[in-house]
Amino acid sequence: MSKERSVKVAIVQATPAMFDTPATVRKACALIKEAGANGAKLMLFPEAFVGGYPKGMYLGVRVGMRSVEGRKDYRRYHDNAILIPGPETDEIGRAVAQAGAYVVLGVIEKEEDSSTVYCTALFFGPDGTILGKHRKIKPTAGERYIWGEGDGSTLPVFDTPYGKIGAVICWENYMPLLRAAMYGKGVRIYLAPTFDARDSWQISMRHIALEGHCFVITCNQYLTKSAYPTDLCCYEELADQPEVLHRGGSAVINPYGEYLAGPIWDGEGVAYAELDLGQVEETRFDFDVVGHYTRPDVLQLKVNEAPQATYIYENGVPCCDPGNCEEEEE
């Protein structure tokens, strides 16, 4: 249950500098400070904002085939992914601390000892520290060329003065069991960073608000072809694409399924909404998806949150040192 009665939230629909993470981080920091100055205490950025969503590109991939040029562009994409924590998160954290807000930011994440990258929702607390992250557990279609899969160890929900928040990325929202897992964790403000600009996405977001009787905040990019550097090896893959690649659609929806802000279309912008947090109880009066409207005797959900490891190393030390063991009695 929320400790505060209301909260001002911001949806930040913006265009990243594709394949230029330093410039995108600077832009994110400026937008965080702007939204903080306008009183926002919870901010949501789009999916894959830092690191980029290379819409329209296929990096030379065909079934059973890759190209040298595509490999070069993937290398560049990997170079622009970020470590968590790392210098980019430190810079963003300073801006978050100045704003004094919870910030959830879509990033492309990499690790020190792997060449795989992940689509990640990164959570910052009002003091600028990293609270945690959610890695997208199932990339969609061509996303599987470039992103790895997260596991159940990054399905966090964080308690805030405004109630519990959690993030489900883009088409993960079409996974009924994942939505149910988030409802079961007590999410009251459901965050859906996305790269789906279809009208049907709005229907899905309003449905989730009604299904979970929670606030839904969805945030998308406005992306143009001019955001891409023209010296990409596979830049010609964009030749038949329109200048506006992605039109946005960020919105804030209350537990009645009604818009409080947005959708924002066809441009960049920051929109604000004041959430009346008691509306969660109002709407759950007759339908509480994790309370009186459950039937655990009929339906139950098992969620595996254990980290999944491919390599398990043993140190080779015997479980019992013969020099320290007592001889067994005959």
Protein backbone atom coordinates (compact mmCIF):
# COMPACT_ATOMS: atom_id res chain seq x y z
CA MET A 1 0.00 0.00 0.00
CA SER A 2 1.27 3.47 -0.82
CA LYS A 3 2.41 5.79 1.96
CA GLU A 4 1.65 8.90 -0.08
CA ARG A 5 -1.76 9.87 -1.40
CA SER A 6 -0.53 11.06 -4.79
CA VAL A 7 2.57 11.34 -6.97
CA LYS A 8 3.54 13.29 -10.06
CA VAL A 9 4.98 11.11 -12.80
CA ALA A 10 6.69 11.89 -16.11
CA ILE A 11 6.87 10.00 -19.39
CA VAL A 12 9.95 10.97 -21.39
CA GLN A 13 9.39 10.35 -25.10
CA ALA A 14 12.69 11.23 -26.74
CA THR A 15 15.01 10.38 -29.62
CA PRO A 16 18.37 8.79 -28.77
CA ALA A 17 21.57 9.49 -30.67
CA MET A 18 21.92 6.12 -32.36
CA PHE A 19 25.34 4.47 -31.94
CA ASP A 20 26.43 7.43 -29.78
CA THR A 21 25.94 6.49 -26.14
CA PRO A 22 27.79 9.49 -24.64
CA ALA A 23 25.45 11.90 -26.45
CA THR A 24 22.38 9.86 -25.45
CA VAL A 25 23.48 9.80 -21.80
CA ARG A 26 23.92 13.57 -21.82
CA LYS A 27 20.43 13.94 -23.27
CA ALA A 28 18.95 11.57 -20.69
CA CYS A 29 20.58 13.53 -17.86
CA ALA A 30 19.22 16.83 -19.17
CA LEU A 31 15.70 15.38 -19.45
CA ILE A 32 15.89 13.90 -15.94
CA LYS A 33 16.88 17.29 -14.54
CA GLU A 34 14.09 19.00 -16.51
CA ALA A 35 11.42 16.57 -15.27
CA GLY A 36 12.75 16.85 -11.71
CA ALA A 37 12.57 20.64 -11.87
CA ASN A 38 8.91 20.23 -12.89
CA GLY A 39 8.16 18.17 -9.79
CA ALA A 40 8.14 14.62 -11.16
CA LYS A 41 8.96 11.98 -8.54
CA LEU A 42 8.79 8.99 -10.88
CA MET A 43 10.08 9.05 -14.47
CA LEU A 44 9.97 6.45 -17.21
CA PHE A 45 12.16 6.41 -20.33
CA PRO A 46 11.63 4.17 -23.40
CA GLU A 47 12.91 0.69 -24.06
CA ALA A 48 16.52 0.59 -25.32
CA PHE A 49 16.94 4.36 -25.04
CA VAL A 50 20.63 4.23 -24.07
CA GLY A 51 22.31 1.96 -26.61
CA GLY A 52 19.52 2.20 -29.14
CA TYR A 53 16.89 0.14 -30.91
CA PRO A 54 18.15 -0.25 -34.50
CA LYS A 55 14.75 -0.30 -36.18
CA GLY A 56 14.88 -1.00 -39.89
CA MET A 57 18.29 -2.69 -39.79
CA TYR A 58 18.95 -6.40 -40.08
CA LEU A 59 22.76 -6.30 -39.86
CA GLY A 60 23.20 -8.47 -42.92
CA VAL A 61 21.43 -11.45 -41.36
CA ARG A 62 19.76 -14.06 -43.54
CA VAL A 63 18.77 -17.55 -42.44
CA GLY A 64 22.06 -19.42 -42.32
CA MET A 65 24.05 -16.34 -43.41
CA ARG A 66 25.76 -13.31 -41.87
CA SER A 67 27.75 -10.56 -43.55
CA VAL A 68 31.10 -8.94 -42.75
CA GLU A 69 29.39 -5.55 -42.75
CA GLY A 70 26.76 -6.72 -40.28
CA ARG A 71 29.43 -8.03 -37.95
CA LYS A 72 31.16 -4.63 -38.03
CA ASP A 73 27.92 -2.84 -37.14
CA TYR A 74 27.19 -5.33 -34.33
CA ARG A 75 30.67 -4.65 -32.96
CA ARG A 76 29.82 -0.93 -32.95
CA TYR A 77 26.46 -1.65 -31.30
CA HIS A 78 28.19 -3.71 -28.61
CA ASP A 79 30.70 -0.90 -28.05
CA ASN A 80 27.76 1.43 -27.31
CA ALA A 81 26.16 -0.92 -24.78
CA ILE A 82 26.86 -0.10 -21.13
CA LEU A 83 28.10 -1.91 -18.06
CA ILE A 84 25.93 -1.90 -14.92
CA PRO A 85 27.38 -0.31 -12.89
CA GLY A 86 29.71 1.73 -15.04
CA PRO A 87 30.68 5.29 -15.93
CA GLU A 88 27.41 5.91 -17.77
CA THR A 89 25.28 4.80 -14.84
CA ASP A 90 27.41 6.96 -12.53
CA GLU A 91 26.70 10.00 -14.72
CA ILE A 92 22.99 9.24 -14.91
CA GLY A 93 22.90 8.59 -11.15
CA ARG A 94 24.21 12.09 -10.45
CA ALA A 95 21.40 13.59 -12.52
CA VAL A 96 18.85 11.37 -10.76
CA ALA A 97 20.10 12.49 -7.34
CA GLN A 98 19.75 16.11 -8.41
CA ALA A 99 16.16 15.43 -9.49
CA GLY A 100 15.38 13.44 -6.33
CA ALA A 101 13.11 11.02 -8.19
CA TYR A 102 12.76 7.35 -9.04
CA VAL A 103 13.92 6.88 -12.64
CA VAL A 104 13.47 3.80 -14.82
CA LEU A 105 15.54 3.85 -17.98
CA GLY A 106 15.75 1.46 -20.93
CA VAL A 107 19.37 0.54 -21.74
CA ILE A 108 21.35 -1.96 -23.77
CA GLU A 109 23.53 -3.77 -21.24
CA LYS A 110 26.74 -5.74 -21.66
CA GLU A 111 29.01 -7.67 -19.29
CA GLU A 112 32.78 -7.74 -18.86
CA ASP A 113 33.31 -11.36 -19.88
CA SER A 114 30.64 -11.82 -22.54
CA SER A 115 29.90 -10.41 -25.99
CA THR A 116 26.14 -10.77 -25.55
CA VAL A 117 24.01 -7.68 -24.94
CA TYR A 118 20.67 -7.46 -23.15
CA CYS A 119 17.64 -5.19 -23.33
CA THR A 120 17.35 -3.97 -19.75
CA ALA A 121 15.14 -1.72 -17.64
CA LEU A 122 17.39 -0.03 -15.08
CA PHE A 123 15.98 1.32 -11.80
CA PHE A 124 17.47 4.28 -9.93
CA GLY A 125 16.44 5.48 -6.47
CA PRO A 126 16.00 9.18 -5.59
CA ASP A 127 19.54 9.30 -4.19
CA GLY A 128 20.96 8.23 -7.56
CA THR A 129 21.88 4.68 -6.56
CA ILE A 130 21.02 1.70 -8.73
CA LEU A 131 18.14 -0.23 -7.15
CA GLY A 132 18.23 -3.10 -9.63
CA LYS A 133 17.36 -4.14 -13.16
CA HIS A 134 15.05 -6.25 -15.27
CA ARG A 135 16.44 -7.99 -18.34
CA LYS A 136 13.94 -8.74 -21.08
CA ILE A 137 13.33 -12.48 -20.84
CA LYS A 138 12.15 -13.00 -24.43
CA PRO A 139 13.34 -10.77 -27.28
CA THR A 140 10.86 -10.62 -30.15
CA ALA A 141 11.51 -11.78 -33.73
CA GLY A 142 14.59 -9.99 -35.17
CA GLU A 143 15.56 -8.73 -31.72
CA ARG A 144 16.87 -12.25 -31.11
CA TYR A 145 19.68 -11.57 -33.57
CA ILE A 146 21.18 -8.97 -31.26
CA TRP A 147 19.89 -9.50 -27.69
CA GLY A 148 20.29 -12.33 -25.24
CA GLU A 149 17.55 -13.51 -22.87
CA GLY A 150 17.32 -12.62 -19.21
CA ASP A 151 16.25 -15.16 -16.60
CA GLY A 152 13.95 -15.11 -13.60
CA SER A 153 16.58 -13.57 -11.33
CA THR A 154 15.81 -10.09 -12.69
CA LEU A 155 12.08 -9.77 -12.10
CA PRO A 156 12.27 -7.19 -9.33
CA VAL A 157 9.59 -5.09 -7.72
CA PHE A 158 10.64 -2.12 -5.59
CA ASP A 159 8.77 -0.62 -2.68
CA THR A 160 8.44 3.17 -2.88
CA PRO A 161 6.42 5.74 -0.93
CA TYR A 162 3.96 5.55 -3.84
CA GLY A 163 3.53 1.79 -3.79
CA LYS A 164 5.42 -1.02 -5.47
CA ILE A 165 6.80 -0.48 -8.97
CA GLY A 166 7.99 -3.02 -11.52
CA ALA A 167 8.78 -3.07 -15.23
CA VAL A 168 7.72 -5.37 -18.07
CA ILE A 169 9.35 -4.58 -21.42
CA CYS A 170 7.44 -4.30 -24.70
CA TRP A 171 6.00 -7.62 -25.90
CA GLU A 172 6.76 -9.28 -22.57
CA ASN A 173 3.44 -7.61 -21.77
CA TYR A 174 1.76 -10.15 -24.04
CA MET A 175 2.98 -12.99 -21.79
CA PRO A 176 -0.01 -13.59 -19.46
CA LEU A 177 2.02 -15.52 -16.91
CA LEU A 178 4.63 -12.77 -16.65
CA ARG A 179 1.92 -10.18 -16.06
CA ALA A 180 0.45 -12.43 -13.39
CA ALA A 181 3.86 -12.78 -11.74
CA MET A 182 4.12 -9.00 -11.48
CA TYR A 183 0.60 -8.67 -10.10
CA GLY A 184 1.47 -11.31 -7.51
CA LYS A 185 4.40 -9.19 -6.34
CA GLY A 186 2.01 -6.38 -5.50
CA VAL A 187 2.73 -3.91 -8.32
CA ARG A 188 0.60 -0.78 -8.04
CA ILE A 189 2.43 1.27 -10.66
CA TYR A 190 3.11 -0.98 -13.63
CA LEU A 191 5.84 0.30 -15.96
CA ALA A 192 5.88 -0.74 -19.62
CA PRO A 193 8.80 0.73 -21.57
CA THR A 194 8.24 -0.27 -25.18
CA PHE A 195 9.05 -0.01 -28.86
CA ASP A 196 5.52 -0.72 -30.09
CA ALA A 197 3.91 2.31 -31.73
CA ARG A 198 0.79 0.60 -33.04
CA ASP A 199 -2.68 1.73 -32.05
CA SER A 200 -3.27 -1.78 -30.70
CA TRP A 201 -0.57 -1.19 -28.06
CA GLN A 202 -2.84 1.37 -26.45
CA ILE A 203 -5.57 -1.26 -26.20
CA SER A 204 -3.14 -3.61 -24.45
CA MET A 205 -2.03 -0.96 -21.96
CA ARG A 206 -5.60 -0.04 -21.06
CA HIS A 207 -6.42 -3.74 -20.69
CA ILE A 208 -3.50 -4.25 -18.27
CA ALA A 209 -4.64 -1.25 -16.20
CA LEU A 210 -8.08 -2.87 -15.94
CA GLU A 211 -6.77 -6.41 -15.45
CA GLY A 212 -4.32 -5.49 -12.70
CA HIS A 213 -6.37 -2.53 -11.41
CA CYS A 214 -3.11 -0.62 -11.28
CA PHE A 215 -1.63 2.48 -12.85
CA VAL A 216 0.11 1.76 -16.14
CA ILE A 217 2.88 3.98 -17.47
CA THR A 218 4.15 3.19 -20.95
CA CYS A 219 6.96 5.06 -22.68
CA ASN A 220 8.17 4.88 -26.26
CA GLN A 221 10.76 6.49 -28.52
CA TYR A 222 10.25 8.99 -31.28
CA LEU A 223 12.84 7.83 -33.80
CA THR A 224 13.88 9.31 -37.12
CA LYS A 225 16.31 8.07 -39.75
CA SER A 226 18.43 11.18 -39.18
CA ALA A 227 19.27 9.83 -35.71
CA TYR A 228 21.48 7.17 -37.36
CA PRO A 229 25.10 7.84 -38.38
CA THR A 230 25.46 7.55 -42.13
CA ASP A 231 28.83 5.76 -41.87
CA LEU A 232 27.30 2.50 -40.66
CA CYS A 233 28.45 -0.41 -42.80
CA CYS A 234 24.83 -1.48 -43.31
CA TYR A 235 23.33 2.01 -43.55
CA GLU A 236 21.81 1.14 -46.94
CA GLU A 237 19.44 -1.22 -45.13
CA LEU A 238 17.55 1.94 -44.16
CA ALA A 239 17.26 3.20 -47.75
CA ASP A 240 13.61 2.22 -48.22
CA GLN A 241 12.55 3.32 -44.72
CA PRO A 242 10.61 6.57 -44.12
CA GLU A 243 12.24 9.48 -42.30
CA VAL A 244 9.99 8.92 -39.27
CA LEU A 245 10.72 5.35 -38.24
CA HIS A 246 8.79 5.38 -34.99
CA ARG A 247 6.02 7.75 -33.91
CA GLY A 248 5.88 7.19 -30.14
CA GLY A 249 2.70 6.60 -28.16
CA SER A 250 3.79 7.19 -24.54
CA ALA A 251 0.92 7.38 -22.05
CA VAL A 252 -0.19 7.24 -18.42
CA ILE A 253 -3.36 5.26 -17.63
CA ASN A 254 -5.25 4.98 -14.35
CA PRO A 255 -6.73 1.78 -12.83
CA TYR A 256 -10.08 2.58 -14.50
CA GLY A 257 -8.37 2.31 -17.89
CA GLU A 258 -8.56 6.06 -18.50
CA TYR A 259 -5.79 8.23 -19.92
CA LEU A 260 -4.18 10.71 -17.55
CA ALA A 261 -1.51 11.80 -20.06
CA GLY A 262 -0.90 11.06 -23.72
CA PRO A 263 -0.71 9.21 -25.91
CA ILE A 264 2.06 11.40 -27.34
CA TRP A 265 2.37 10.98 -31.10
CA ASP A 266 4.70 12.21 -33.83
CA GLY A 267 7.32 14.06 -31.84
CA GLU A 268 9.48 14.25 -28.76
CA GLY A 269 8.00 15.44 -25.48
CA VAL A 270 7.75 15.04 -21.74
CA ALA A 271 4.24 14.65 -20.34
CA TYR A 272 3.18 14.70 -16.71
CA ALA A 273 0.33 13.21 -14.70
CA GLU A 274 -0.76 13.29 -11.06
CA LEU A 275 -1.68 9.84 -9.79
CA ASP A 276 -4.42 9.59 -7.16
CA LEU A 277 -2.96 6.49 -5.54
CA GLY A 278 -6.14 5.58 -3.67
CA GLN A 279 -7.77 4.70 -6.97
CA VAL A 280 -6.09 1.30 -6.70
CA GLU A 281 -8.29 0.45 -3.71
CA GLU A 282 -11.34 1.96 -5.41
CA THR A 283 -11.01 -0.30 -8.42
CA ARG A 284 -10.01 -3.39 -6.46
CA PHE A 285 -13.20 -3.17 -4.41
CA ASP A 286 -14.86 -5.59 -6.80
CA PHE A 287 -11.86 -7.15 -8.56
CA ASP A 288 -8.56 -7.83 -6.82
CA VAL A 289 -6.43 -10.01 -9.09
CA VAL A 290 -4.22 -11.13 -6.18
CA GLY A 291 -6.87 -11.04 -3.47
CA HIS A 292 -10.52 -12.01 -3.43
CA TYR A 293 -10.64 -12.66 -7.20
CA THR A 294 -8.16 -15.57 -7.04
CA ARG A 295 -8.81 -19.31 -6.86
CA PRO A 296 -5.60 -20.89 -5.58
CA ASP A 297 -7.41 -24.20 -5.21
CA VAL A 298 -7.81 -24.21 -9.00
CA LEU A 299 -5.03 -22.02 -10.43
CA GLN A 300 -1.47 -21.45 -9.20
CA LEU A 301 1.64 -19.95 -10.82
CA LYS A 302 5.20 -21.13 -10.18
CA VAL A 303 7.96 -18.59 -10.92
CA ASN A 304 11.61 -19.65 -11.03
CA GLU A 305 13.69 -16.68 -9.85
CA ALA A 306 16.97 -18.56 -9.49
CA PRO A 307 19.90 -17.32 -11.61
CA GLN A 308 20.62 -19.75 -14.42
CA ALA A 309 24.30 -20.62 -14.83
CA THR A 310 25.82 -22.48 -17.79
CA TYR A 311 29.21 -22.96 -16.16
CA ILE A 312 29.47 -24.33 -12.64
CA TYR A 313 33.02 -24.64 -11.35
CA GLU A 314 34.01 -26.81 -8.39
CA ASN A 315 37.26 -26.17 -6.52
CA GLY A 316 38.30 -29.82 -6.46
CA VAL A 317 38.66 -29.95 -2.65
CA PRO A 318 37.29 -33.23 -1.27
CA CYS A 319 34.18 -32.87 0.83
CA CYS A 320 36.12 -34.46 3.68
CA ASP A 321 39.85 -33.90 4.25
CA PRO A 322 41.28 -37.35 5.13
CA GLY A 323 43.78 -35.73 7.47
CA ASN A 324 40.98 -34.29 9.56
CA CYS A 325 38.53 -37.13 9.44
CA GLU A 326 38.07 -39.69 12.13
CA GLU A 327 38.29 -43.25 10.99
CA GLU A 328 34.93 -44.89 10.63
CA GLU A 329 34.16 -47.49 13.22
CA GLU A 330 34.14 -51.01 11.92
